Amino acid sequence: MTAATSLLGRTLLALVFILAGVNKLQGYEATANLMQQFGVPAILLPGTIGLEILGGLAVLAGFYARSVAIPMALFTLATAFIFHGNFSDDVQLAMFLKNLAISGGFLLLFAHGPGAWAVNDR
């Protein structure tokens, strides 16, 4: 049961990022413009997409999941503060708190590993 639960948890964490990366690819210009509105250089978009898709796939497979967990947690925290810091807007506050919770999930993944049904335990 623990192995299945770990796989389900990794799957739920990974899907958010894989889908977000694919959406950024499909709406590349709009995403670049949004990033620039928040003072983030658009030159970072390819790396963002790569981190989201490749990092998400690594978490999903349990392939170096511990190694990927910390950069994913830091990325998620950074996006919380950069894009969702308007706490007077209830939606942005909810998004900020969601990002904090996801970061917590990555920290747990780092601390406890990906579980038995993983490519490796690194």
PDB file of N, CA and C in Angstrom:
ATOM      1  N   MET A   1       0.817  -1.199   0.000  1.00  0.00           N
ATOM      2  CA  MET A   1       0.000   0.000   0.000  1.00  0.00           C
ATOM      3  C   MET A   1       0.864   1.268   0.000  1.00  0.00           C
ATOM      4  N   THR A   2       1.968   1.239   0.737  1.00  0.00           N
ATOM      5  CA  THR A   2       2.846   2.402   0.794  1.00  0.00           C
ATOM      6  C   THR A   2       3.442   2.702  -0.575  1.00  0.00           C
ATOM      7  N   ALA A   3       3.840   1.668  -1.310  1.00  0.00           N
ATOM      8  CA  ALA A   3       4.414   1.869  -2.645  1.00  0.00           C
ATOM      9  C   ALA A   3       3.385   2.506  -3.574  1.00  0.00           C
ATOM     10  N   ALA A   4       2.161   2.029  -3.517  1.00  0.00           N
ATOM     11  CA  ALA A   4       1.107   2.583  -4.370  1.00  0.00           C
ATOM     12  C   ALA A   4       0.795   4.027  -3.983  1.00  0.00           C
ATOM     13  N   THR A   5       0.783   4.304  -2.694  1.00  0.00           N
ATOM     14  CA  THR A   5       0.506   5.660  -2.228  1.00  0.00           C
ATOM     15  C   THR A   5       1.615   6.616  -2.652  1.00  0.00           C
ATOM     16  N   SER A   6       2.857   6.157  -2.574  1.00  0.00           N
ATOM     17  CA  SER A   6       3.979   6.990  -3.013  1.00  0.00           C
ATOM     18  C   SER A   6       3.883   7.281  -4.513  1.00  0.00           C
ATOM     19  N   LEU A   7       3.544   6.257  -5.284  1.00  0.00           N
ATOM     20  CA  LEU A   7       3.386   6.458  -6.724  1.00  0.00           C
ATOM     21  C   LEU A   7       2.253   7.434  -7.016  1.00  0.00           C
ATOM     22  N   LEU A   8       1.141   7.301  -6.337  1.00  0.00           N
ATOM     23  CA  LEU A   8       0.022   8.223  -6.537  1.00  0.00           C
ATOM     24  C   LEU A   8       0.431   9.647  -6.168  1.00  0.00           C
ATOM     25  N   GLY A   9       1.115   9.805  -5.046  1.00  0.00           N
ATOM     26  CA  GLY A   9       1.578  11.133  -4.643  1.00  0.00           C
ATOM     27  C   GLY A   9       2.528  11.741  -5.644  1.00  0.00           C
ATOM     28  N   ARG A  10       3.484  10.949  -6.138  1.00  0.00           N
ATOM     29  CA  ARG A  10       4.407  11.441  -7.161  1.00  0.00           C
ATOM     30  C   ARG A  10       3.661  11.808  -8.434  1.00  0.00           C
ATOM     31  N   THR A  11       2.674  11.001  -8.802  1.00  0.00           N
ATOM     32  CA  THR A  11       1.893  11.265 -10.012  1.00  0.00           C
ATOM     33  C   THR A  11       1.150  12.588  -9.900  1.00  0.00           C
ATOM     34  N   LEU A  12       0.523  12.817  -8.762  1.00  0.00           N
ATOM     35  CA  LEU A  12      -0.224  14.065  -8.578  1.00  0.00           C
ATOM     36  C   LEU A  12       0.698  15.281  -8.577  1.00  0.00           C
ATOM     37  N   LEU A  13       1.860  15.168  -7.940  1.00  0.00           N
ATOM     38  CA  LEU A  13       2.826  16.268  -7.977  1.00  0.00           C
ATOM     39  C   LEU A  13       3.313  16.515  -9.402  1.00  0.00           C
ATOM     40  N   ALA A  14       3.634  15.439 -10.096  1.00  0.00           N
ATOM     41  CA  ALA A  14       4.223  15.551 -11.434  1.00  0.00           C
ATOM     42  C   ALA A  14       3.257  16.124 -12.456  1.00  0.00           C
ATOM     43  N   LEU A  15       2.003  15.713 -12.397  1.00  0.00           N
ATOM     44  CA  LEU A  15       1.033  16.151 -13.407  1.00  0.00           C
ATOM     45  C   LEU A  15       0.898  17.661 -13.469  1.00  0.00           C
ATOM     46  N   VAL A  16       0.926  18.315 -12.326  1.00  0.00           N
ATOM     47  CA  VAL A  16       0.816  19.768 -12.286  1.00  0.00           C
ATOM     48  C   VAL A  16       1.901  20.399 -13.150  1.00  0.00           C
ATOM     49  N   PHE A  17       3.111  19.884 -13.036  1.00  0.00           N
ATOM     50  CA  PHE A  17       4.246  20.496 -13.723  1.00  0.00           C
ATOM     51  C   PHE A  17       4.342  20.072 -15.183  1.00  0.00           C
ATOM     52  N   ILE A  18       4.072  18.810 -15.463  1.00  0.00           N
ATOM     53  CA  ILE A  18       4.104  18.351 -16.854  1.00  0.00           C
ATOM     54  C   ILE A  18       3.074  19.118 -17.679  1.00  0.00           C
ATOM     55  N   LEU A  19       1.857  19.210 -17.171  1.00  0.00           N
ATOM     56  CA  LEU A  19       0.801  19.929 -17.897  1.00  0.00           C
ATOM     57  C   LEU A  19       1.109  21.419 -18.004  1.00  0.00           C
ATOM     58  N   ALA A  20       1.665  22.009 -16.945  1.00  0.00           N
ATOM     59  CA  ALA A  20       2.013  23.433 -16.993  1.00  0.00           C
ATOM     60  C   ALA A  20       3.095  23.685 -18.041  1.00  0.00           C
ATOM     61  N   GLY A  21       4.070  22.795 -18.115  1.00  0.00           N
ATOM     62  CA  GLY A  21       5.124  22.950 -19.117  1.00  0.00           C
ATOM     63  C   GLY A  21       4.591  22.842 -20.531  1.00  0.00           C
ATOM     64  N   VAL A  22       3.706  21.868 -20.756  1.00  0.00           N
ATOM     65  CA  VAL A  22       3.098  21.704 -22.085  1.00  0.00           C
ATOM     66  C   VAL A  22       2.252  22.938 -22.425  1.00  0.00           C
ATOM     67  N   ASN A  23       1.504  23.443 -21.450  1.00  0.00           N
ATOM     68  CA  ASN A  23       0.692  24.645 -21.695  1.00  0.00           C
ATOM     69  C   ASN A  23       1.567  25.849 -22.034  1.00  0.00           C
ATOM     70  N   LYS A  24       2.719  25.955 -21.387  1.00  0.00           N
ATOM     71  CA  LYS A  24       3.626  27.059 -21.694  1.00  0.00           C
ATOM     72  C   LYS A  24       4.176  26.930 -23.111  1.00  0.00           C
ATOM     73  N   LEU A  25       4.451  25.710 -23.538  1.00  0.00           N
ATOM     74  CA  LEU A  25       4.900  25.496 -24.923  1.00  0.00           C
ATOM     75  C   LEU A  25       3.824  25.929 -25.912  1.00  0.00           C
ATOM     76  N   GLN A  26       2.589  25.572 -25.621  1.00  0.00           N
ATOM     77  CA  GLN A  26       1.484  25.897 -26.525  1.00  0.00           C
ATOM     78  C   GLN A  26       1.163  27.381 -26.536  1.00  0.00           C
ATOM     79  N   GLY A  27       1.386  28.048 -25.424  1.00  0.00           N
ATOM     80  CA  GLY A  27       1.125  29.486 -25.343  1.00  0.00           C
ATOM     81  C   GLY A  27       2.396  30.250 -25.041  1.00  0.00           C
ATOM     82  N   TYR A  28       3.431  29.947 -25.805  1.00  0.00           N
ATOM     83  CA  TYR A  28       4.775  30.462 -25.523  1.00  0.00           C
ATOM     84  C   TYR A  28       4.806  31.990 -25.429  1.00  0.00           C
ATOM     85  N   GLU A  29       4.281  32.658 -26.421  1.00  0.00           N
ATOM     86  CA  GLU A  29       4.331  34.131 -26.449  1.00  0.00           C
ATOM     87  C   GLU A  29       3.558  34.744 -25.283  1.00  0.00           C
ATOM     88  N   ALA A  30       2.374  34.216 -25.033  1.00  0.00           N
ATOM     89  CA  ALA A  30       1.563  34.744 -23.930  1.00  0.00           C
ATOM     90  C   ALA A  30       2.278  34.543 -22.594  1.00  0.00           C
ATOM     91  N   THR A  31       2.913  33.379 -22.433  1.00  0.00           N
ATOM     92  CA  THR A  31       3.639  33.115 -21.198  1.00  0.00           C
ATOM     93  C   THR A  31       4.836  34.041 -21.062  1.00  0.00           C
ATOM     94  N   ALA A  32       5.560  34.240 -22.163  1.00  0.00           N
ATOM     95  CA  ALA A  32       6.715  35.151 -22.144  1.00  0.00           C
ATOM     96  C   ALA A  32       6.276  36.561 -21.759  1.00  0.00           C
ATOM     97  N   ASN A  33       5.167  37.009 -22.309  1.00  0.00           N
ATOM     98  CA  ASN A  33       4.650  38.340 -21.977  1.00  0.00           C
ATOM     99  C   ASN A  33       4.244  38.434 -20.510  1.00  0.00           C
ATOM    100  N   LEU A  34       3.600  37.401 -19.997  1.00  0.00           N
ATOM    101  CA  LEU A  34       3.193  37.401 -18.588  1.00  0.00           C
ATOM    102  C   LEU A  34       4.417  37.455 -17.681  1.00  0.00           C
ATOM    103  N   MET A  35       5.418  36.674 -18.001  1.00  0.00           N
ATOM    104  CA  MET A  35       6.641  36.685 -17.198  1.00  0.00           C
ATOM    105  C   MET A  35       7.243  38.083 -17.164  1.00  0.00           C
ATOM    106  N   GLN A  36       7.302  38.735 -18.317  1.00  0.00           N
ATOM    107  CA  GLN A  36       7.892  40.062 -18.398  1.00  0.00           C
ATOM    108  C   GLN A  36       7.082  41.086 -17.601  1.00  0.00           C
ATOM    109  N   GLN A  37       5.760  40.908 -17.556  1.00  0.00           N
ATOM    110  CA  GLN A  37       4.919  41.806 -16.763  1.00  0.00           C
ATOM    111  C   GLN A  37       5.279  41.739 -15.281  1.00  0.00           C
ATOM    112  N   PHE A  38       5.798  40.605 -14.845  1.00  0.00           N
ATOM    113  CA  PHE A  38       6.188  40.424 -13.453  1.00  0.00           C
ATOM    114  C   PHE A  38       7.686  40.631 -13.238  1.00  0.00           C
ATOM    115  N   GLY A  39       8.367  41.141 -14.263  1.00  0.00           N
ATOM    116  CA  GLY A  39       9.784  41.436 -14.142  1.00  0.00           C
ATOM    117  C   GLY A  39      10.706  40.243 -14.324  1.00  0.00           C
ATOM    118  N   VAL A  40      10.178  39.148 -14.856  1.00  0.00           N
ATOM    119  CA  VAL A  40      10.981  37.949 -15.093  1.00  0.00           C
ATOM    120  C   VAL A  40      11.362  37.924 -16.566  1.00  0.00           C
ATOM    121  N   PRO A  41      12.643  37.874 -16.874  1.00  0.00           N
ATOM    122  CA  PRO A  41      13.064  37.879 -18.286  1.00  0.00           C
ATOM    123  C   PRO A  41      12.543  36.655 -19.041  1.00  0.00           C
ATOM    124  N   ALA A  42      12.036  36.897 -20.226  1.00  0.00           N
ATOM    125  CA  ALA A  42      11.484  35.817 -21.048  1.00  0.00           C
ATOM    126  C   ALA A  42      12.540  34.795 -21.446  1.00  0.00           C
ATOM    127  N   ILE A  43      13.804  35.174 -21.363  1.00  0.00           N
ATOM    128  CA  ILE A  43      14.884  34.237 -21.707  1.00  0.00           C
ATOM    129  C   ILE A  43      14.884  33.026 -20.769  1.00  0.00           C
ATOM    130  N   LEU A  44      14.227  33.162 -19.628  1.00  0.00           N
ATOM    131  CA  LEU A  44      14.142  32.057 -18.665  1.00  0.00           C
ATOM    132  C   LEU A  44      13.044  31.054 -19.011  1.00  0.00           C
ATOM    133  N   LEU A  45      12.212  31.368 -19.982  1.00  0.00           N
ATOM    134  CA  LEU A  45      11.082  30.498 -20.311  1.00  0.00           C
ATOM    135  C   LEU A  45      11.502  29.108 -20.789  1.00  0.00           C
ATOM    136  N   PRO A  46      12.477  28.960 -21.681  1.00  0.00           N
ATOM    137  CA  PRO A  46      12.857  27.598 -22.078  1.00  0.00           C
ATOM    138  C   PRO A  46      13.321  26.745 -20.889  1.00  0.00           C
ATOM    139  N   GLY A  47      14.090  27.335 -19.992  1.00  0.00           N
ATOM    140  CA  GLY A  47      14.521  26.608 -18.802  1.00  0.00           C
ATOM    141  C   GLY A  47      13.361  26.248 -17.896  1.00  0.00           C
ATOM    142  N   THR A  48      12.412  27.162 -17.796  1.00  0.00           N
ATOM    143  CA  THR A  48      11.211  26.905 -16.997  1.00  0.00           C
ATOM    144  C   THR A  48      10.436  25.725 -17.567  1.00  0.00           C
ATOM    145  N   ILE A  49      10.235  25.736 -18.864  1.00  0.00           N
ATOM    146  CA  ILE A  49       9.517  24.643 -19.524  1.00  0.00           C
ATOM    147  C   ILE A  49      10.267  23.328 -19.334  1.00  0.00           C
ATOM    148  N   GLY A  50      11.579  23.376 -19.516  1.00  0.00           N
ATOM    149  CA  GLY A  50      12.384  22.172 -19.329  1.00  0.00           C
ATOM    150  C   GLY A  50      12.297  21.631 -17.917  1.00  0.00           C
ATOM    151  N   LEU A  51      12.403  22.523 -16.931  1.00  0.00           N
ATOM    152  CA  LEU A  51      12.306  22.091 -15.534  1.00  0.00           C
ATOM    153  C   LEU A  51      10.947  21.479 -15.253  1.00  0.00           C
ATOM    154  N   GLU A  52       9.895  22.132 -15.731  1.00  0.00           N
ATOM    155  CA  GLU A  52       8.558  21.624 -15.450  1.00  0.00           C
ATOM    156  C   GLU A  52       8.317  20.257 -16.098  1.00  0.00           C
ATOM    157  N   ILE A  53       8.661  20.128 -17.358  1.00  0.00           N
ATOM    158  CA  ILE A  53       8.387  18.866 -18.058  1.00  0.00           C
ATOM    159  C   ILE A  53       9.367  17.774 -17.625  1.00  0.00           C
ATOM    160  N   LEU A  54      10.656  18.050 -17.701  1.00  0.00           N
ATOM    161  CA  LEU A  54      11.640  17.018 -17.360  1.00  0.00           C
ATOM    162  C   LEU A  54      11.646  16.711 -15.866  1.00  0.00           C
ATOM    163  N   GLY A  55      11.531  17.753 -15.050  1.00  0.00           N
ATOM    164  CA  GLY A  55      11.443  17.535 -13.603  1.00  0.00           C
ATOM    165  C   GLY A  55      10.187  16.762 -13.236  1.00  0.00           C
ATOM    166  N   GLY A  56       9.075  17.116 -13.877  1.00  0.00           N
ATOM    167  CA  GLY A  56       7.820  16.403 -13.632  1.00  0.00           C
ATOM    168  C   GLY A  56       7.914  14.943 -14.028  1.00  0.00           C
ATOM    169  N   LEU A  57       8.526  14.677 -15.184  1.00  0.00           N
ATOM    170  CA  LEU A  57       8.687  13.288 -15.626  1.00  0.00           C
ATOM    171  C   LEU A  57       9.611  12.511 -14.693  1.00  0.00           C
ATOM    172  N   ALA A  58      10.667  13.159 -14.198  1.00  0.00           N
ATOM    173  CA  ALA A  58      11.579  12.499 -13.260  1.00  0.00           C
ATOM    174  C   ALA A  58      10.859  12.146 -11.959  1.00  0.00           C
ATOM    175  N   VAL A  59      10.061  13.071 -11.453  1.00  0.00           N
ATOM    176  CA  VAL A  59       9.284  12.798 -10.236  1.00  0.00           C
ATOM    177  C   VAL A  59       8.300  11.668 -10.494  1.00  0.00           C
ATOM    178  N   LEU A  60       7.610  11.719 -11.603  1.00  0.00           N
ATOM    179  CA  LEU A  60       6.632  10.680 -11.950  1.00  0.00           C
ATOM    180  C   LEU A  60       7.288   9.299 -11.972  1.00  0.00           C
ATOM    181  N   ALA A  61       8.437   9.195 -12.630  1.00  0.00           N
ATOM    182  CA  ALA A  61       9.112   7.901 -12.765  1.00  0.00           C
ATOM    183  C   ALA A  61       9.885   7.511 -11.509  1.00  0.00           C
ATOM    184  N   GLY A  62      10.116   8.464 -10.631  1.00  0.00           N
ATOM    185  CA  GLY A  62      10.972   8.189  -9.495  1.00  0.00           C
ATOM    186  C   GLY A  62      12.420   8.076  -9.924  1.00  0.00           C
ATOM    187  N   PHE A  63      12.775   8.825 -10.948  1.00  0.00           N
ATOM    188  CA  PHE A  63      14.126   8.824 -11.498  1.00  0.00           C
ATOM    189  C   PHE A  63      14.869  10.032 -10.936  1.00  0.00           C
ATOM    190  N   TYR A  64      15.798   9.783 -10.023  1.00  0.00           N
ATOM    191  CA  TYR A  64      16.492  10.849  -9.315  1.00  0.00           C
ATOM    192  C   TYR A  64      15.503  11.833  -8.690  1.00  0.00           C
ATOM    193  N   ALA A  65      14.418  11.300  -8.180  1.00  0.00           N
ATOM    194  CA  ALA A  65      13.347  12.134  -7.630  1.00  0.00           C
ATOM    195  C   ALA A  65      13.820  12.967  -6.444  1.00  0.00           C
ATOM    196  N   ARG A  66      14.672  12.387  -5.599  1.00  0.00           N
ATOM    197  CA  ARG A  66      15.193  13.173  -4.472  1.00  0.00           C
ATOM    198  C   ARG A  66      16.028  14.339  -4.971  1.00  0.00           C
ATOM    199  N   SER A  67      16.841  14.102  -5.974  1.00  0.00           N
ATOM    200  CA  SER A  67      17.702  15.157  -6.513  1.00  0.00           C
ATOM    201  C   SER A  67      16.889  16.258  -7.178  1.00  0.00           C
ATOM    202  N   VAL A  68      15.790  15.894  -7.787  1.00  0.00           N
ATOM    203  CA  VAL A  68      14.931  16.857  -8.482  1.00  0.00           C
ATOM    204  C   VAL A  68      14.014  17.595  -7.503  1.00  0.00           C
ATOM    205  N   ALA A  69      13.733  16.987  -6.360  1.00  0.00           N
ATOM    206  CA  ALA A  69      12.752  17.545  -5.428  1.00  0.00           C
ATOM    207  C   ALA A  69      13.137  18.930  -4.912  1.00  0.00           C
ATOM    208  N   ILE A  70      14.399  19.140  -4.590  1.00  0.00           N
ATOM    209  CA  ILE A  70      14.799  20.444  -4.041  1.00  0.00           C
ATOM    210  C   ILE A  70      14.688  21.555  -5.087  1.00  0.00           C
ATOM    211  N   PRO A  71      15.230  21.385  -6.300  1.00  0.00           N
ATOM    212  CA  PRO A  71      15.027  22.454  -7.297  1.00  0.00           C
ATOM    213  C   PRO A  71      13.549  22.707  -7.601  1.00  0.00           C
ATOM    214  N   MET A  72      12.749  21.643  -7.621  1.00  0.00           N
ATOM    215  CA  MET A  72      11.316  21.823  -7.874  1.00  0.00           C
ATOM    216  C   MET A  72      10.661  22.589  -6.724  1.00  0.00           C
ATOM    217  N   ALA A  73      11.034  22.289  -5.496  1.00  0.00           N
ATOM    218  CA  ALA A  73      10.488  23.005  -4.336  1.00  0.00           C
ATOM    219  C   ALA A  73      10.879  24.480  -4.391  1.00  0.00           C
ATOM    220  N   LEU A  74      12.148  24.756  -4.691  1.00  0.00           N
ATOM    221  CA  LEU A  74      12.608  26.148  -4.763  1.00  0.00           C
ATOM    222  C   LEU A  74      11.933  26.906  -5.896  1.00  0.00           C
ATOM    223  N   PHE A  75      11.803  26.253  -7.048  1.00  0.00           N
ATOM    224  CA  PHE A  75      11.112  26.863  -8.189  1.00  0.00           C
ATOM    225  C   PHE A  75       9.671  27.204  -7.812  1.00  0.00           C
ATOM    226  N   THR A  76       8.993  26.275  -7.151  1.00  0.00           N
ATOM    227  CA  THR A  76       7.596  26.476  -6.776  1.00  0.00           C
ATOM    228  C   THR A  76       7.454  27.596  -5.755  1.00  0.00           C
ATOM    229  N   LEU A  77       8.389  27.674  -4.810  1.00  0.00           N
ATOM    230  CA  LEU A  77       8.372  28.782  -3.847  1.00  0.00           C
ATOM    231  C   LEU A  77       8.616  30.115  -4.550  1.00  0.00           C
ATOM    232  N   ALA A  78       9.574  30.129  -5.467  1.00  0.00           N
ATOM    233  CA  ALA A  78       9.863  31.370  -6.190  1.00  0.00           C
ATOM    234  C   ALA A  78       8.649  31.844  -6.979  1.00  0.00           C
ATOM    235  N   THR A  79       7.979  30.915  -7.659  1.00  0.00           N
ATOM    236  CA  THR A  79       6.805  31.325  -8.431  1.00  0.00           C
ATOM    237  C   THR A  79       5.678  31.805  -7.516  1.00  0.00           C
ATOM    238  N   ALA A  80       5.591  31.237  -6.323  1.00  0.00           N
ATOM    239  CA  ALA A  80       4.576  31.701  -5.366  1.00  0.00           C
ATOM    240  C   ALA A  80       4.799  33.171  -5.034  1.00  0.00           C
ATOM    241  N   PHE A  81       6.036  33.518  -4.699  1.00  0.00           N
ATOM    242  CA  PHE A  81       6.327  34.885  -4.298  1.00  0.00           C
ATOM    243  C   PHE A  81       6.292  35.857  -5.475  1.00  0.00           C
ATOM    244  N   ILE A  82       6.740  35.425  -6.642  1.00  0.00           N
ATOM    245  CA  ILE A  82       6.789  36.331  -7.800  1.00  0.00           C
ATOM    246  C   ILE A  82       5.410  36.565  -8.406  1.00  0.00           C
ATOM    247  N   PHE A  83       4.661  35.485  -8.613  1.00  0.00           N
ATOM    248  CA  PHE A  83       3.411  35.586  -9.379  1.00  0.00           C
ATOM    249  C   PHE A  83       2.145  35.599  -8.525  1.00  0.00           C
ATOM    250  N   HIS A  84       2.239  35.200  -7.265  1.00  0.00           N
ATOM    251  CA  HIS A  84       1.019  35.073  -6.455  1.00  0.00           C
ATOM    252  C   HIS A  84       1.130  35.824  -5.129  1.00  0.00           C
ATOM    253  N   GLY A  85       1.881  36.913  -5.120  1.00  0.00           N
ATOM    254  CA  GLY A  85       2.113  37.645  -3.888  1.00  0.00           C
ATOM    255  C   GLY A  85       1.083  38.705  -3.556  1.00  0.00           C
ATOM    256  N   ASN A  86       0.033  38.817  -4.354  1.00  0.00           N
ATOM    257  CA  ASN A  86      -1.013  39.812  -4.082  1.00  0.00           C
ATOM    258  C   ASN A  86      -2.030  39.194  -3.118  1.00  0.00           C
ATOM    259  N   PHE A  87      -1.757  39.321  -1.830  1.00  0.00           N
ATOM    260  CA  PHE A  87      -2.589  38.659  -0.819  1.00  0.00           C
ATOM    261  C   PHE A  87      -3.949  39.324  -0.619  1.00  0.00           C
ATOM    262  N   SER A  88      -4.160  40.496  -1.209  1.00  0.00           N
ATOM    263  CA  SER A  88      -5.483  41.125  -1.121  1.00  0.00           C
ATOM    264  C   SER A  88      -6.463  40.479  -2.099  1.00  0.00           C
ATOM    265  N   ASP A  89      -5.945  39.694  -3.048  1.00  0.00           N
ATOM    266  CA  ASP A  89      -6.764  38.958  -4.011  1.00  0.00           C
ATOM    267  C   ASP A  89      -6.885  37.517  -3.515  1.00  0.00           C
ATOM    268  N   ASP A  90      -8.104  37.112  -3.192  1.00  0.00           N
ATOM    269  CA  ASP A  90      -8.322  35.780  -2.624  1.00  0.00           C
ATOM    270  C   ASP A  90      -7.826  34.647  -3.524  1.00  0.00           C
ATOM    271  N   VAL A  91      -7.962  34.813  -4.829  1.00  0.00           N
ATOM    272  CA  VAL A  91      -7.500  33.787  -5.763  1.00  0.00           C
ATOM    273  C   VAL A  91      -5.977  33.681  -5.710  1.00  0.00           C
ATOM    274  N   GLN A  92      -5.299  34.828  -5.695  1.00  0.00           N
ATOM    275  CA  GLN A  92      -3.839  34.806  -5.631  1.00  0.00           C
ATOM    276  C   GLN A  92      -3.339  34.261  -4.296  1.00  0.00           C
ATOM    277  N   LEU A  93      -4.041  34.562  -3.228  1.00  0.00           N
ATOM    278  CA  LEU A  93      -3.679  33.995  -1.931  1.00  0.00           C
ATOM    279  C   LEU A  93      -3.828  32.474  -1.959  1.00  0.00           C
ATOM    280  N   ALA A  94      -4.912  31.990  -2.545  1.00  0.00           N
ATOM    281  CA  ALA A  94      -5.115  30.539  -2.657  1.00  0.00           C
ATOM    282  C   ALA A  94      -4.020  29.902  -3.506  1.00  0.00           C
ATOM    283  N   MET A  95      -3.642  30.557  -4.606  1.00  0.00           N
ATOM    284  CA  MET A  95      -2.561  30.044  -5.461  1.00  0.00           C
ATOM    285  C   MET A  95      -1.234  30.045  -4.704  1.00  0.00           C
ATOM    286  N   PHE A  96      -0.988  31.082  -3.923  1.00  0.00           N
ATOM    287  CA  PHE A  96       0.229  31.163  -3.120  1.00  0.00           C
ATOM    288  C   PHE A  96       0.285  29.995  -2.134  1.00  0.00           C
ATOM    289  N   LEU A  97      -0.808  29.773  -1.442  1.00  0.00           N
ATOM    290  CA  LEU A  97      -0.855  28.683  -0.461  1.00  0.00           C
ATOM    291  C   LEU A  97      -0.751  27.316  -1.133  1.00  0.00           C
ATOM    292  N   LYS A  98      -1.331  27.174  -2.327  1.00  0.00           N
ATOM    293  CA  LYS A  98      -1.204  25.930  -3.088  1.00  0.00           C
ATOM    294  C   LYS A  98       0.254  25.669  -3.412  1.00  0.00           C
ATOM    295  N   ASN A  99       0.975  26.704  -3.825  1.00  0.00           N
ATOM    296  CA  ASN A  99       2.391  26.545  -4.129  1.00  0.00           C
ATOM    297  C   ASN A  99       3.189  26.165  -2.884  1.00  0.00           C
ATOM    298  N   LEU A 100       2.829  26.737  -1.749  1.00  0.00           N
ATOM    299  CA  LEU A 100       3.509  26.349  -0.507  1.00  0.00           C
ATOM    300  C   LEU A 100       3.272  24.869  -0.205  1.00  0.00           C
ATOM    301  N   ALA A 101       2.044  24.412  -0.387  1.00  0.00           N
ATOM    302  CA  ALA A 101       1.718  23.005  -0.134  1.00  0.00           C
ATOM    303  C   ALA A 101       2.481  22.086  -1.096  1.00  0.00           C
ATOM    304  N   ILE A 102       2.558  22.465  -2.357  1.00  0.00           N
ATOM    305  CA  ILE A 102       3.303  21.661  -3.336  1.00  0.00           C
ATOM    306  C   ILE A 102       4.779  21.614  -2.949  1.00  0.00           C
ATOM    307  N   SER A 103       5.325  22.739  -2.527  1.00  0.00           N
ATOM    308  CA  SER A 103       6.719  22.760  -2.080  1.00  0.00           C
ATOM    309  C   SER A 103       6.913  21.819  -0.897  1.00  0.00           C
ATOM    310  N   GLY A 104       5.943  21.803  -0.012  1.00  0.00           N
ATOM    311  CA  GLY A 104       5.999  20.863   1.111  1.00  0.00           C
ATOM    312  C   GLY A 104       6.009  19.422   0.638  1.00  0.00           C
ATOM    313  N   GLY A 105       5.230  19.120  -0.376  1.00  0.00           N
ATOM    314  CA  GLY A 105       5.231  17.779  -0.953  1.00  0.00           C
ATOM    315  C   GLY A 105       6.595  17.411  -1.513  1.00  0.00           C
ATOM    316  N   PHE A 106       7.252  18.359  -2.173  1.00  0.00           N
ATOM    317  CA  PHE A 106       8.592  18.101  -2.699  1.00  0.00           C
ATOM    318  C   PHE A 106       9.600  17.892  -1.570  1.00  0.00           C
ATOM    319  N   LEU A 107       9.457  18.643  -0.488  1.00  0.00           N
ATOM    320  CA  LEU A 107      10.362  18.445   0.646  1.00  0.00           C
ATOM    321  C   LEU A 107      10.163  17.070   1.277  1.00  0.00           C
ATOM    322  N   LEU A 108       8.923  16.612   1.342  1.00  0.00           N
ATOM    323  CA  LEU A 108       8.670  15.253   1.826  1.00  0.00           C
ATOM    324  C   LEU A 108       9.264  14.209   0.885  1.00  0.00           C
ATOM    325  N   LEU A 109       9.154  14.444  -0.407  1.00  0.00           N
ATOM    326  CA  LEU A 109       9.755  13.540  -1.385  1.00  0.00           C
ATOM    327  C   LEU A 109      11.266  13.482  -1.185  1.00  0.00           C
ATOM    328  N   PHE A 110      11.876  14.617  -0.956  1.00  0.00           N
ATOM    329  CA  PHE A 110      13.313  14.660  -0.707  1.00  0.00           C
ATOM    330  C   PHE A 110      13.663  13.890   0.570  1.00  0.00           C
ATOM    331  N   ALA A 111      12.890  14.107   1.622  1.00  0.00           N
ATOM    332  CA  ALA A 111      13.197  13.496   2.919  1.00  0.00           C
ATOM    333  C   ALA A 111      12.984  11.987   2.930  1.00  0.00           C
ATOM    334  N   HIS A 112      11.944  11.518   2.262  1.00  0.00           N
ATOM    335  CA  HIS A 112      11.555  10.110   2.376  1.00  0.00           C
ATOM    336  C   HIS A 112      11.802   9.289   1.116  1.00  0.00           C
ATOM    337  N   GLY A 113      12.163   9.949   0.023  1.00  0.00           N
ATOM    338  CA  GLY A 113      12.420   9.225  -1.215  1.00  0.00           C
ATOM    339  C   GLY A 113      11.147   8.920  -1.972  1.00  0.00           C
ATOM    340  N   PRO A 114      11.292   8.364  -3.170  1.00  0.00           N
ATOM    341  CA  PRO A 114      10.152   8.156  -4.069  1.00  0.00           C
ATOM    342  C   PRO A 114       9.325   6.909  -3.788  1.00  0.00           C
ATOM    343  N   GLY A 115       9.772   6.040  -2.910  1.00  0.00           N
ATOM    344  CA  GLY A 115       9.028   4.814  -2.629  1.00  0.00           C
ATOM    345  C   GLY A 115       9.535   3.650  -3.455  1.00  0.00           C
ATOM    346  N   ALA A 116       8.933   2.502  -3.239  1.00  0.00           N
ATOM    347  CA  ALA A 116       9.388   1.248  -3.844  1.00  0.00           C
ATOM    348  C   ALA A 116       9.188   1.215  -5.363  1.00  0.00           C
ATOM    349  N   TRP A 117       8.108   1.774  -5.850  1.00  0.00           N
ATOM    350  CA  TRP A 117       7.822   1.729  -7.285  1.00  0.00           C
ATOM    351  C   TRP A 117       8.434   2.946  -7.975  1.00  0.00           C
ATOM    352  N   ALA A 118       9.754   2.929  -8.041  1.00  0.00           N
ATOM    353  CA  ALA A 118      10.497   4.034  -8.632  1.00  0.00           C
ATOM    354  C   ALA A 118      11.691   3.475  -9.393  1.00  0.00           C
ATOM    355  N   VAL A 119      12.156   4.250 -10.366  1.00  0.00           N
ATOM    356  CA  VAL A 119      13.314   3.805 -11.146  1.00  0.00           C
ATOM    357  C   VAL A 119      14.537   3.676 -10.227  1.00  0.00           C
ATOM    358  N   ASN A 120      14.734   4.631  -9.337  1.00  0.00           N
ATOM    359  CA  ASN A 120      15.800   4.544  -8.343  1.00  0.00           C
ATOM    360  C   ASN A 120      15.422   5.373  -7.119  1.00  0.00           C
ATOM    361  N   ASP A 121      16.233   5.314  -6.082  1.00  0.00           N
ATOM    362  CA  ASP A 121      15.918   5.994  -4.826  1.00  0.00           C
ATOM    363  C   ASP A 121      16.859   7.168  -4.584  1.00  0.00           C
ATOM    364  N   ARG A 122      17.261   7.829  -5.635  1.00  0.00           N
ATOM    365  CA  ARG A 122      18.198   8.947  -5.474  1.00  0.00           C
ATOM    366  C   ARG A 122      17.472  10.256  -5.480  1.00  0.00           C
TER     367      ARG A 122
END
